[in-house]
Amino acid sequence: MTNPFGYMSTPEATTQEYIEVDWAMFGELCRALALKVAREYDPEVIVGIARAGVIPGAVVASILRLDFYSMNISRRSGDETVRERPEILSAAPRQLAGKRVLIVDEITTSGDTLRLALAAVRDVRPAEVRTATSFARTTGYQPDFSALTMDANVIFPWDRKIFDGDELVVNPRYEGILDE
């Protein structure tokens, strides 16, 4: 069921709302995020948090014409239903030393991933470091920059369908939510 704002809710989960972001909207959000950053900060380099944060990070870096690096921070446990504490799987690039850095992730909820990234980046002694996300929650950890702040669950275009064996299927997390 969709409301006038594009949020979807299911009868089973009436307290949970979803917004499905298509590629065009994602591009506009990245442009909005890049504009906010350019108006208030002058980063020299962008760091995207792998996996999904590299997507907006690379787009923002391209718009701002800056170098781009990635860091791998994951919550994956093998069981998609279990959210573990995030863990750094790759160190912050040494090239960040002495530079103004912008760390980008796709969304912030608890802030655990961005806090880990901030600590890792600060270990290489940048001149300054700030954070940005495509989406931020209205409560909890707030990045320095976000394209959109809301509490709905976001279905990103790259996460809508996934491979199951050799077949592309609706992500099981969104069964009963997405029309397919």
N, C-alpha and C. Protein backbone atom coordinates (compact mmCIF):
# COMPACT_ATOMS: atom_id res chain seq x y z
N MET A 1 0.85 -1.16 0.00
CA MET A 1 0.00 0.00 0.00
C MET A 1 0.90 1.23 0.00
N THR A 2 0.65 2.21 -0.90
CA THR A 2 1.48 3.39 -1.04
C THR A 2 0.69 4.62 -0.66
N ASN A 3 1.31 5.52 0.10
CA ASN A 3 0.65 6.78 0.42
C ASN A 3 1.04 7.84 -0.61
N PRO A 4 0.49 9.04 -0.55
CA PRO A 4 0.77 10.06 -1.58
C PRO A 4 2.25 10.46 -1.67
N PHE A 5 3.04 10.17 -0.65
CA PHE A 5 4.44 10.56 -0.67
C PHE A 5 5.35 9.46 -1.20
N GLY A 6 4.79 8.34 -1.64
CA GLY A 6 5.59 7.26 -2.17
C GLY A 6 6.04 6.27 -1.12
N TYR A 7 5.67 6.48 0.13
CA TYR A 7 6.01 5.54 1.18
C TYR A 7 5.09 4.34 1.09
N MET A 8 5.64 3.16 1.33
CA MET A 8 4.84 1.95 1.29
C MET A 8 4.76 1.35 2.67
N SER A 9 3.61 0.83 3.02
CA SER A 9 3.50 0.08 4.26
C SER A 9 2.70 -1.17 3.97
N THR A 10 2.95 -2.18 4.77
CA THR A 10 2.24 -3.44 4.58
C THR A 10 1.26 -3.62 5.72
N PRO A 11 0.17 -4.36 5.52
CA PRO A 11 -0.78 -4.59 6.61
C PRO A 11 -0.13 -5.23 7.82
N GLU A 12 0.87 -6.10 7.57
CA GLU A 12 1.53 -6.80 8.68
C GLU A 12 2.44 -5.86 9.46
N ALA A 13 2.94 -4.85 8.79
CA ALA A 13 3.92 -3.97 9.43
C ALA A 13 3.48 -2.52 9.23
N THR A 14 2.35 -2.18 9.79
CA THR A 14 1.81 -0.84 9.56
C THR A 14 2.68 0.25 10.18
N THR A 15 3.55 -0.09 11.10
CA THR A 15 4.42 0.92 11.68
C THR A 15 5.68 1.12 10.85
N GLN A 16 5.94 0.23 9.91
CA GLN A 16 7.12 0.35 9.08
C GLN A 16 6.74 0.93 7.73
N GLU A 17 7.42 2.01 7.36
CA GLU A 17 7.19 2.61 6.06
C GLU A 17 8.45 2.41 5.23
N TYR A 18 8.24 2.31 3.93
CA TYR A 18 9.34 2.11 2.99
C TYR A 18 9.25 3.14 1.90
N ILE A 19 10.41 3.56 1.43
CA ILE A 19 10.46 4.37 0.23
C ILE A 19 11.39 3.66 -0.74
N GLU A 20 10.90 3.46 -1.94
CA GLU A 20 11.71 2.82 -2.96
C GLU A 20 12.36 3.91 -3.80
N VAL A 21 13.68 3.89 -3.85
CA VAL A 21 14.45 4.88 -4.57
C VAL A 21 14.87 4.27 -5.90
N ASP A 22 14.52 4.93 -7.00
CA ASP A 22 14.98 4.44 -8.31
C ASP A 22 16.29 5.14 -8.65
N TRP A 23 16.90 4.75 -9.76
CA TRP A 23 18.20 5.30 -10.13
C TRP A 23 18.14 6.80 -10.38
N ALA A 24 17.05 7.29 -10.99
CA ALA A 24 16.93 8.73 -11.25
C ALA A 24 16.89 9.51 -9.95
N MET A 25 16.09 9.05 -8.98
CA MET A 25 16.01 9.74 -7.69
C MET A 25 17.36 9.66 -6.97
N PHE A 26 18.01 8.52 -7.05
CA PHE A 26 19.32 8.36 -6.43
C PHE A 26 20.31 9.38 -7.01
N GLY A 27 20.28 9.56 -8.32
CA GLY A 27 21.16 10.54 -8.96
C GLY A 27 20.89 11.95 -8.46
N GLU A 28 19.61 12.29 -8.32
CA GLU A 28 19.25 13.62 -7.81
C GLU A 28 19.69 13.80 -6.36
N LEU A 29 19.56 12.74 -5.56
CA LEU A 29 20.02 12.81 -4.17
C LEU A 29 21.53 13.03 -4.10
N CYS A 30 22.27 12.37 -4.97
CA CYS A 30 23.72 12.55 -5.00
C CYS A 30 24.08 13.98 -5.41
N ARG A 31 23.35 14.53 -6.38
CA ARG A 31 23.60 15.92 -6.77
C ARG A 31 23.30 16.87 -5.61
N ALA A 32 22.19 16.64 -4.92
CA ALA A 32 21.84 17.48 -3.77
C ALA A 32 22.90 17.39 -2.68
N LEU A 33 23.37 16.17 -2.43
CA LEU A 33 24.41 15.97 -1.41
C LEU A 33 25.70 16.69 -1.82
N ALA A 34 26.09 16.56 -3.07
CA ALA A 34 27.31 17.22 -3.56
C ALA A 34 27.19 18.74 -3.42
N LEU A 35 26.02 19.29 -3.73
CA LEU A 35 25.81 20.74 -3.60
C LEU A 35 25.93 21.19 -2.14
N LYS A 36 25.32 20.44 -1.23
CA LYS A 36 25.42 20.79 0.20
C LYS A 36 26.87 20.79 0.66
N VAL A 37 27.59 19.75 0.27
CA VAL A 37 29.00 19.64 0.66
C VAL A 37 29.80 20.81 0.06
N ALA A 38 29.61 21.08 -1.23
CA ALA A 38 30.38 22.14 -1.90
C ALA A 38 30.12 23.51 -1.29
N ARG A 39 28.92 23.74 -0.78
CA ARG A 39 28.59 25.05 -0.19
C ARG A 39 29.19 25.25 1.20
N GLU A 40 29.42 24.14 1.93
CA GLU A 40 29.82 24.27 3.32
C GLU A 40 31.19 23.67 3.67
N TYR A 41 31.79 22.96 2.73
CA TYR A 41 33.04 22.25 3.03
C TYR A 41 33.84 22.17 1.74
N ASP A 42 35.13 22.08 1.86
CA ASP A 42 35.99 21.99 0.69
C ASP A 42 36.86 20.74 0.81
N PRO A 43 36.24 19.55 0.63
CA PRO A 43 37.04 18.33 0.78
C PRO A 43 38.05 18.20 -0.36
N GLU A 44 39.13 17.51 -0.07
CA GLU A 44 40.14 17.23 -1.09
C GLU A 44 40.00 15.80 -1.61
N VAL A 45 39.32 14.96 -0.83
CA VAL A 45 39.20 13.55 -1.19
C VAL A 45 37.92 12.98 -0.57
N ILE A 46 37.33 12.01 -1.26
CA ILE A 46 36.12 11.34 -0.79
C ILE A 46 36.46 9.88 -0.48
N VAL A 47 35.91 9.38 0.64
CA VAL A 47 36.04 7.98 1.00
C VAL A 47 34.64 7.38 1.10
N GLY A 48 34.37 6.37 0.27
CA GLY A 48 33.09 5.68 0.32
C GLY A 48 33.20 4.42 1.16
N ILE A 49 32.16 4.13 1.93
CA ILE A 49 32.15 2.94 2.78
C ILE A 49 31.56 1.78 1.99
N ALA A 50 32.39 0.76 1.76
CA ALA A 50 31.94 -0.41 1.01
C ALA A 50 31.05 -1.26 1.91
N ARG A 51 30.00 -1.77 1.36
CA ARG A 51 29.70 -1.92 -0.03
C ARG A 51 28.86 -0.79 -0.57
N ALA A 52 27.74 -0.52 -0.02
CA ALA A 52 26.79 0.40 -0.64
C ALA A 52 27.20 1.86 -0.60
N GLY A 53 28.00 2.28 0.35
CA GLY A 53 28.41 3.68 0.42
C GLY A 53 29.37 4.10 -0.68
N VAL A 54 30.00 3.12 -1.34
CA VAL A 54 30.88 3.49 -2.46
C VAL A 54 30.07 4.04 -3.63
N ILE A 55 28.80 3.66 -3.72
CA ILE A 55 28.00 4.11 -4.86
C ILE A 55 27.74 5.62 -4.76
N PRO A 56 27.12 6.14 -3.68
CA PRO A 56 26.98 7.60 -3.61
C PRO A 56 28.33 8.30 -3.47
N GLY A 57 29.29 7.66 -2.80
CA GLY A 57 30.61 8.26 -2.64
C GLY A 57 31.29 8.52 -3.97
N ALA A 58 31.24 7.53 -4.86
CA ALA A 58 31.87 7.70 -6.18
C ALA A 58 31.14 8.75 -7.01
N VAL A 59 29.81 8.79 -6.90
CA VAL A 59 29.04 9.79 -7.66
C VAL A 59 29.36 11.19 -7.14
N VAL A 60 29.36 11.38 -5.84
CA VAL A 60 29.68 12.69 -5.26
C VAL A 60 31.11 13.09 -5.63
N ALA A 61 32.05 12.16 -5.56
CA ALA A 61 33.44 12.46 -5.93
C ALA A 61 33.52 12.88 -7.40
N SER A 62 32.76 12.22 -8.26
CA SER A 62 32.75 12.58 -9.67
C SER A 62 32.17 13.97 -9.89
N ILE A 63 31.06 14.28 -9.22
CA ILE A 63 30.44 15.59 -9.35
C ILE A 63 31.39 16.69 -8.87
N LEU A 64 32.07 16.44 -7.75
CA LEU A 64 32.98 17.42 -7.18
C LEU A 64 34.37 17.39 -7.80
N ARG A 65 34.60 16.42 -8.68
CA ARG A 65 35.88 16.25 -9.38
C ARG A 65 37.03 16.04 -8.40
N LEU A 66 36.80 15.07 -7.50
CA LEU A 66 37.79 14.75 -6.45
C LEU A 66 38.22 13.30 -6.55
N ASP A 67 39.38 13.01 -5.97
CA ASP A 67 39.84 11.63 -5.89
C ASP A 67 38.92 10.85 -4.97
N PHE A 68 38.81 9.56 -5.25
CA PHE A 68 37.91 8.68 -4.50
C PHE A 68 38.66 7.44 -4.01
N TYR A 69 38.42 7.10 -2.76
CA TYR A 69 38.96 5.87 -2.16
C TYR A 69 37.80 5.15 -1.47
N SER A 70 38.02 3.90 -1.13
CA SER A 70 36.99 3.18 -0.39
C SER A 70 37.60 2.50 0.83
N MET A 71 36.72 2.25 1.79
CA MET A 71 37.06 1.46 2.98
C MET A 71 35.98 0.41 3.11
N ASN A 72 36.37 -0.78 3.50
CA ASN A 72 35.39 -1.85 3.66
C ASN A 72 35.08 -2.03 5.15
N ILE A 73 33.85 -1.67 5.49
CA ILE A 73 33.33 -1.87 6.85
C ILE A 73 32.05 -2.66 6.68
N SER A 74 31.95 -3.80 7.34
CA SER A 74 30.81 -4.68 7.10
C SER A 74 30.15 -5.14 8.38
N ARG A 75 28.86 -5.45 8.25
CA ARG A 75 28.08 -6.07 9.32
C ARG A 75 27.70 -7.49 8.93
N ARG A 76 28.21 -7.99 7.86
CA ARG A 76 27.81 -9.29 7.33
C ARG A 76 28.24 -10.41 8.26
N SER A 77 27.32 -11.32 8.50
CA SER A 77 27.62 -12.46 9.36
C SER A 77 27.43 -13.78 8.63
N GLY A 78 26.99 -13.70 7.39
CA GLY A 78 26.63 -14.92 6.67
C GLY A 78 25.13 -15.15 6.74
N ASP A 79 24.52 -14.69 7.82
CA ASP A 79 23.07 -14.78 8.00
C ASP A 79 22.51 -13.38 7.80
N GLU A 80 21.83 -13.15 6.67
CA GLU A 80 21.32 -11.83 6.31
C GLU A 80 20.35 -11.25 7.34
N THR A 81 19.77 -12.08 8.19
CA THR A 81 18.80 -11.59 9.16
C THR A 81 19.47 -11.08 10.43
N VAL A 82 20.76 -11.36 10.60
CA VAL A 82 21.48 -10.97 11.80
C VAL A 82 22.34 -9.74 11.51
N ARG A 83 22.14 -8.67 12.28
CA ARG A 83 22.94 -7.45 12.14
C ARG A 83 23.97 -7.46 13.26
N GLU A 84 25.20 -7.69 12.88
CA GLU A 84 26.28 -7.68 13.87
C GLU A 84 26.86 -6.28 13.99
N ARG A 85 27.71 -6.11 14.99
CA ARG A 85 28.43 -4.85 15.10
C ARG A 85 29.32 -4.70 13.87
N PRO A 86 29.46 -3.49 13.34
CA PRO A 86 30.31 -3.32 12.17
C PRO A 86 31.77 -3.60 12.49
N GLU A 87 32.50 -4.01 11.49
CA GLU A 87 33.90 -4.37 11.64
C GLU A 87 34.67 -3.80 10.45
N ILE A 88 35.82 -3.21 10.73
CA ILE A 88 36.67 -2.68 9.66
C ILE A 88 37.39 -3.84 8.99
N LEU A 89 37.20 -3.96 7.68
CA LEU A 89 37.82 -5.04 6.92
C LEU A 89 38.99 -4.54 6.07
N SER A 90 39.12 -3.22 5.93
CA SER A 90 40.27 -2.64 5.24
C SER A 90 40.61 -1.31 5.91
N ALA A 91 41.88 -1.04 6.00
CA ALA A 91 42.33 0.17 6.68
C ALA A 91 42.02 1.42 5.87
N ALA A 92 42.04 2.56 6.53
CA ALA A 92 41.88 3.83 5.84
C ALA A 92 43.10 4.05 4.94
N PRO A 93 42.89 4.54 3.75
CA PRO A 93 44.02 4.78 2.83
C PRO A 93 45.01 5.80 3.41
N ARG A 94 46.27 5.52 3.29
CA ARG A 94 47.32 6.43 3.80
C ARG A 94 47.34 7.76 3.07
N GLN A 95 46.79 7.78 1.85
CA GLN A 95 46.77 9.00 1.05
C GLN A 95 45.90 10.09 1.66
N LEU A 96 45.15 9.77 2.71
CA LEU A 96 44.28 10.75 3.36
C LEU A 96 45.04 11.66 4.32
N ALA A 97 46.26 11.30 4.66
CA ALA A 97 47.06 12.07 5.62
C ALA A 97 47.19 13.52 5.17
N GLY A 98 46.87 14.44 6.08
CA GLY A 98 47.02 15.86 5.81
C GLY A 98 45.97 16.47 4.90
N LYS A 99 44.95 15.70 4.51
CA LYS A 99 43.93 16.20 3.59
C LYS A 99 42.58 16.38 4.27
N ARG A 100 41.74 17.20 3.64
CA ARG A 100 40.35 17.36 4.08
C ARG A 100 39.56 16.21 3.45
N VAL A 101 38.96 15.40 4.31
CA VAL A 101 38.32 14.15 3.88
C VAL A 101 36.82 14.21 4.11
N LEU A 102 36.06 13.66 3.17
CA LEU A 102 34.63 13.47 3.34
C LEU A 102 34.36 11.97 3.26
N ILE A 103 33.81 11.40 4.33
CA ILE A 103 33.42 9.99 4.35
C ILE A 103 31.96 9.91 3.94
N VAL A 104 31.63 9.04 2.98
CA VAL A 104 30.27 8.92 2.47
C VAL A 104 29.76 7.50 2.66
N ASP A 105 28.53 7.39 3.16
CA ASP A 105 27.83 6.11 3.25
C ASP A 105 26.43 6.31 2.68
N GLU A 106 25.72 5.23 2.39
CA GLU A 106 24.40 5.38 1.77
C GLU A 106 23.33 5.81 2.76
N ILE A 107 23.47 5.39 4.03
CA ILE A 107 22.45 5.70 5.03
C ILE A 107 23.10 5.63 6.41
N THR A 108 22.57 6.38 7.34
CA THR A 108 23.01 6.24 8.72
C THR A 108 21.79 5.92 9.58
N THR A 109 21.96 4.91 10.40
CA THR A 109 20.90 4.56 11.35
C THR A 109 21.48 4.70 12.76
N SER A 110 22.25 3.73 13.19
CA SER A 110 22.85 3.80 14.53
C SER A 110 24.07 4.71 14.56
N GLY A 111 24.73 4.87 13.42
CA GLY A 111 25.96 5.65 13.37
C GLY A 111 27.21 4.83 13.64
N ASP A 112 27.05 3.54 13.96
CA ASP A 112 28.20 2.70 14.28
C ASP A 112 29.22 2.64 13.15
N THR A 113 28.74 2.49 11.92
CA THR A 113 29.66 2.38 10.77
C THR A 113 30.42 3.68 10.57
N LEU A 114 29.73 4.80 10.61
CA LEU A 114 30.43 6.08 10.42
C LEU A 114 31.40 6.38 11.55
N ARG A 115 31.04 6.01 12.78
CA ARG A 115 31.97 6.22 13.90
C ARG A 115 33.26 5.41 13.71
N LEU A 116 33.11 4.16 13.26
CA LEU A 116 34.29 3.33 12.99
C LEU A 116 35.14 3.93 11.88
N ALA A 117 34.47 4.38 10.81
CA ALA A 117 35.19 4.99 9.69
C ALA A 117 35.92 6.25 10.15
N LEU A 118 35.24 7.09 10.94
CA LEU A 118 35.88 8.30 11.45
C LEU A 118 37.14 7.98 12.25
N ALA A 119 37.04 6.99 13.14
CA ALA A 119 38.20 6.61 13.96
C ALA A 119 39.35 6.11 13.07
N ALA A 120 39.03 5.29 12.09
CA ALA A 120 40.07 4.75 11.20
C ALA A 120 40.72 5.85 10.37
N VAL A 121 39.90 6.76 9.86
CA VAL A 121 40.45 7.86 9.05
C VAL A 121 41.29 8.79 9.93
N ARG A 122 40.83 9.07 11.14
CA ARG A 122 41.61 9.95 12.04
C ARG A 122 42.96 9.34 12.38
N ASP A 123 43.06 8.02 12.37
CA ASP A 123 44.34 7.35 12.65
C ASP A 123 45.41 7.68 11.61
N VAL A 124 45.02 8.05 10.39
CA VAL A 124 46.01 8.41 9.37
C VAL A 124 46.27 9.92 9.33
N ARG A 125 45.69 10.65 10.28
CA ARG A 125 45.93 12.07 10.50
C ARG A 125 45.57 12.98 9.31
N PRO A 126 44.28 13.02 8.98
CA PRO A 126 43.86 13.97 7.96
C PRO A 126 43.85 15.39 8.53
N ALA A 127 43.80 16.40 7.67
CA ALA A 127 43.69 17.78 8.15
C ALA A 127 42.32 17.99 8.80
N GLU A 128 41.29 17.39 8.21
CA GLU A 128 39.93 17.50 8.70
C GLU A 128 39.13 16.35 8.11
N VAL A 129 38.09 15.93 8.82
CA VAL A 129 37.23 14.86 8.29
C VAL A 129 35.78 15.14 8.67
N ARG A 130 34.91 14.95 7.68
CA ARG A 130 33.47 15.12 7.90
C ARG A 130 32.75 13.93 7.27
N THR A 131 31.47 13.80 7.61
CA THR A 131 30.69 12.65 7.13
C THR A 131 29.47 13.10 6.33
N ALA A 132 29.03 12.23 5.41
CA ALA A 132 27.85 12.51 4.59
C ALA A 132 27.15 11.20 4.26
N THR A 133 25.82 11.25 4.18
CA THR A 133 25.04 10.09 3.76
C THR A 133 23.91 10.55 2.84
N SER A 134 23.46 9.63 2.01
CA SER A 134 22.30 9.93 1.17
C SER A 134 21.07 10.13 2.05
N PHE A 135 20.91 9.27 3.05
CA PHE A 135 19.76 9.32 3.95
C PHE A 135 20.24 9.32 5.40
N ALA A 136 19.56 10.09 6.23
CA ALA A 136 19.83 10.10 7.67
C ALA A 136 18.50 9.97 8.39
N ARG A 137 18.52 9.40 9.56
CA ARG A 137 17.32 9.30 10.41
C ARG A 137 17.10 10.63 11.12
N THR A 138 15.89 10.84 11.58
CA THR A 138 15.59 12.09 12.29
C THR A 138 16.13 12.08 13.71
N THR A 139 16.43 10.90 14.24
CA THR A 139 16.98 10.78 15.58
C THR A 139 18.27 9.97 15.51
N GLY A 140 19.05 10.04 16.56
CA GLY A 140 20.30 9.28 16.61
C GLY A 140 21.45 10.03 15.96
N TYR A 141 22.42 9.29 15.51
CA TYR A 141 23.63 9.87 14.92
C TYR A 141 23.29 10.70 13.68
N GLN A 142 23.84 11.88 13.62
CA GLN A 142 23.61 12.76 12.47
C GLN A 142 24.93 13.02 11.75
N PRO A 143 25.01 12.67 10.47
CA PRO A 143 26.22 13.01 9.71
C PRO A 143 26.30 14.52 9.52
N ASP A 144 27.45 15.00 9.12
CA ASP A 144 27.61 16.44 8.86
C ASP A 144 26.72 16.89 7.70
N PHE A 145 26.53 15.99 6.72
CA PHE A 145 25.72 16.31 5.54
C PHE A 145 24.84 15.11 5.20
N SER A 146 23.61 15.38 4.77
CA SER A 146 22.75 14.32 4.24
C SER A 146 21.87 14.92 3.17
N ALA A 147 21.52 14.11 2.19
CA ALA A 147 20.64 14.58 1.12
C ALA A 147 19.20 14.64 1.59
N LEU A 148 18.80 13.67 2.42
CA LEU A 148 17.42 13.59 2.86
C LEU A 148 17.38 12.99 4.26
N THR A 149 16.57 13.58 5.14
CA THR A 149 16.41 13.07 6.50
C THR A 149 14.97 12.58 6.65
N MET A 150 14.82 11.32 7.07
CA MET A 150 13.50 10.72 7.27
C MET A 150 13.66 9.42 8.03
N ASP A 151 12.55 8.85 8.45
CA ASP A 151 12.59 7.61 9.21
C ASP A 151 12.12 6.38 8.44
N ALA A 152 11.69 6.55 7.21
CA ALA A 152 11.25 5.40 6.42
C ALA A 152 12.43 4.50 6.08
N ASN A 153 12.16 3.22 5.92
CA ASN A 153 13.17 2.28 5.45
C ASN A 153 13.35 2.50 3.96
N VAL A 154 14.60 2.51 3.52
CA VAL A 154 14.90 2.82 2.13
C VAL A 154 15.22 1.55 1.36
N ILE A 155 14.60 1.41 0.21
CA ILE A 155 14.92 0.32 -0.71
C ILE A 155 15.71 0.95 -1.85
N PHE A 156 17.01 0.69 -1.87
CA PHE A 156 17.90 1.27 -2.87
C PHE A 156 17.79 0.50 -4.18
N PRO A 157 18.07 1.17 -5.31
CA PRO A 157 17.92 0.49 -6.61
C PRO A 157 18.86 -0.70 -6.77
N TRP A 158 20.02 -0.67 -6.15
CA TRP A 158 20.96 -1.78 -6.28
C TRP A 158 20.63 -2.94 -5.34
N ASP A 159 19.68 -2.72 -4.43
CA ASP A 159 19.34 -3.74 -3.44
C ASP A 159 17.96 -4.34 -3.67
N ARG A 160 17.23 -3.79 -4.64
CA ARG A 160 15.85 -4.21 -4.92
C ARG A 160 15.81 -5.67 -5.38
N LYS A 161 16.69 -6.00 -6.29
CA LYS A 161 16.78 -7.38 -6.78
C LYS A 161 18.20 -7.88 -6.56
N ILE A 162 18.30 -9.16 -6.24
CA ILE A 162 19.61 -9.77 -6.01
C ILE A 162 19.66 -11.11 -6.73
N PHE A 163 20.86 -11.65 -6.88
CA PHE A 163 21.00 -12.95 -7.50
C PHE A 163 20.76 -14.06 -6.49
N ASP A 164 19.99 -15.04 -6.90
CA ASP A 164 19.77 -16.28 -6.16
C ASP A 164 20.17 -17.38 -7.12
N GLY A 165 21.38 -17.89 -6.93
CA GLY A 165 21.93 -18.81 -7.92
C GLY A 165 22.25 -18.03 -9.18
N ASP A 166 21.61 -18.40 -10.29
CA ASP A 166 21.83 -17.67 -11.53
C ASP A 166 20.61 -16.85 -11.94
N GLU A 167 19.71 -16.61 -10.99
CA GLU A 167 18.46 -15.91 -11.27
C GLU A 167 18.38 -14.61 -10.48
N LEU A 168 17.92 -13.55 -11.14
CA LEU A 168 17.71 -12.27 -10.48
C LEU A 168 16.30 -12.26 -9.89
N VAL A 169 16.21 -12.10 -8.56
CA VAL A 169 14.92 -12.17 -7.87
C VAL A 169 14.77 -10.97 -6.94
N VAL A 170 13.53 -10.68 -6.54
CA VAL A 170 13.29 -9.64 -5.55
C VAL A 170 14.00 -10.04 -4.27
N ASN A 171 14.71 -9.10 -3.69
CA ASN A 171 15.42 -9.35 -2.44
C ASN A 171 14.42 -9.88 -1.40
N PRO A 172 14.71 -11.02 -0.77
CA PRO A 172 13.79 -11.59 0.21
C PRO A 172 13.39 -10.62 1.33
N ARG A 173 14.25 -9.64 1.64
CA ARG A 173 13.91 -8.65 2.66
C ARG A 173 12.69 -7.82 2.28
N TYR A 174 12.38 -7.76 0.96
CA TYR A 174 11.30 -6.91 0.49
C TYR A 174 10.12 -7.69 -0.06
N GLU A 175 10.09 -8.99 0.16
CA GLU A 175 8.95 -9.79 -0.26
C GLU A 175 7.72 -9.33 0.52
N GLY A 176 6.62 -9.15 -0.16
CA GLY A 176 5.40 -8.66 0.46
C GLY A 176 5.34 -7.15 0.54
N ILE A 177 6.43 -6.48 0.21
CA ILE A 177 6.48 -5.03 0.23
C ILE A 177 6.48 -4.49 -1.21
N LEU A 178 7.30 -5.12 -2.06
CA LEU A 178 7.40 -4.69 -3.45
C LEU A 178 6.42 -5.46 -4.32
N ASP A 179 5.83 -4.76 -5.26
CA ASP A 179 4.99 -5.43 -6.26
C ASP A 179 5.91 -5.98 -7.33
N GLU A 180 5.81 -7.25 -7.60
CA GLU A 180 6.63 -7.89 -8.62
C GLU A 180 5.86 -8.95 -9.32
